[in-house]
């Protein structure tokens, strides 16, 4: 077995392949509508939303034998064609399937196979969980995990290798921070990676040091992480297959029918292709390669065709311009308020960014640039402006996260068709940290959804899973309120940046599909598009933030077939 990516529970007799086949058969039982038949889904409170937030309500729809919507019906209307099957929607609210505009598909799945620290609230709680995990799996040569967050712990510093050594000292431990931009190692892991006092910080990375010395403290940030990542035995192909299966189940349970996978590796692509070839790929995947080299290896001279009935396409490439706020790697115009002398980590120079963007744009691959800090966002916006002079047409340049933007730069989102691919729950997760990192006076362009829309930019919302939970309804609640699940802060954090329910739903459906060149295929409930939809326990357009968080996903349908039913869980 691979060192750390292993099943938490053993499969039944017959092994992994048998287990996955049984799971696929169970999923097939949910497909209430026979394929290759015209189906009338009746008695529903249907909601379709355009990219601009315009709403169309309907009472029924007809799905053809290809899984596309052929008719939308108002109350009292009857189908104009002969129908093979009728399904009673029992008056449920039906909205388009959620399109997650930014997540990490295989990381989400692999996270189900390793130690999860995302819900820990203190260092002691995390160490206790690590201790228990190591005891439960004494034969694993590495302890692999993810999800720690020193800000949530209230630690005021990064954890150390010495603290990990106290609970696991007999084998390497390597734990990724919740945002994926830092890793926490014990001494054994540092030794395995050859990280010592004499190891220099790689360009775009930082090895945290013990105070007053050059000895590594145990945390590696951004481009320093491969020093240990590269010596961790990778997951086996069957681990990857199971991880994708688990990830799809999580997504369908939350009504997500399509995703933009940010940072697809060759191994990820082949895992998804195996699922597609075997008929196990249910969720639609808009893929963005983890490098230009990977992009060219997969796509060759151009983005791929849509495969598996609109379930997979390589759109382009994701480029990392900076790190994250939590690890102080986000690139800022001025020093961090809580770390003077530090302005973050540039992962690419301006010249490198433009060269990579140009190489992708040359063959019409779409470019998505990770930019969190205000300096990184400015660099990305300026690069787009310059390259737009040479690469005309509908490019749909994407900026991923766009968390902190200088207010003077917000107007640039309205130029050159730029898409701000943002994750609403980041605002409530990070708001106190953002205040500490930047100070009150530099937050004018923080998580500025309304300002970007008013400037003429395009919004695509996502969850950034596994950085945040797979829960678009929670994101909708944040987008309209700027409050967390506890209703804090009262009145919302910088409430002038809230958007309407309709705009938020559009960003999680039609807007996110448009951001991936998928409009006309899925993202709306409209004639000619795939019948991807979700049945909900209540109408999110008629609910406040607290009520939206309580809405349940009752059923998820893709191409007119039911792929999730909460009653069968």
Foldseek 3Di string as FASTA:
>chain_A
DFQFQAAPDAAPPPHLVVRVVVVVVVLVVQFPDDAQFKEKEFQEFEWWFAQVLDIDTAGIFIFHNQQFTADTHHPPDDDPDDGDYYHYPVHFYKYFQFEFLEAAQLCQLSQNRADEPQPDQAPVSVLVSVLVVCVVCVPRQEHEHEHDFVVSRVNLDDAFLVSNCVRDVPHKYWYAYLLRFKIFIHPRLCVLLVNALPDDADALKDFPADPPGSGGGGMIGHPRVCSRVVRRGDDDLSSSLSSNLVSVVQQFQQRHQEYENAAQAPSNVVSLVVCLVVVNQGHAYAYAHNAVVRVCVVCPLAKDDQPSQRRYTDQYHEAEQWGDLSVLQAAEPAAFLQDHPRRHHGPDDLVRVLVRCCVGLVSLRAYEYEHAYQVRVVSLLVSLVVCCVVRPDQRQHEYEAQFFHQVVCLLSLQPPQYEYEHELVCLQVCVVSCCNGHNPVRRPRGPQQQSNVVSNHRYAYRHHPPSGRSHLLLSLQCQQQLAHLVCPPPRHDPNVRHDASSVSLSNRFVRSCVSSVNPQAGRTNDGNYRPWMWGKPDDSNPDHSNVSVVIGTQWTDTSSTTSDGVVVD
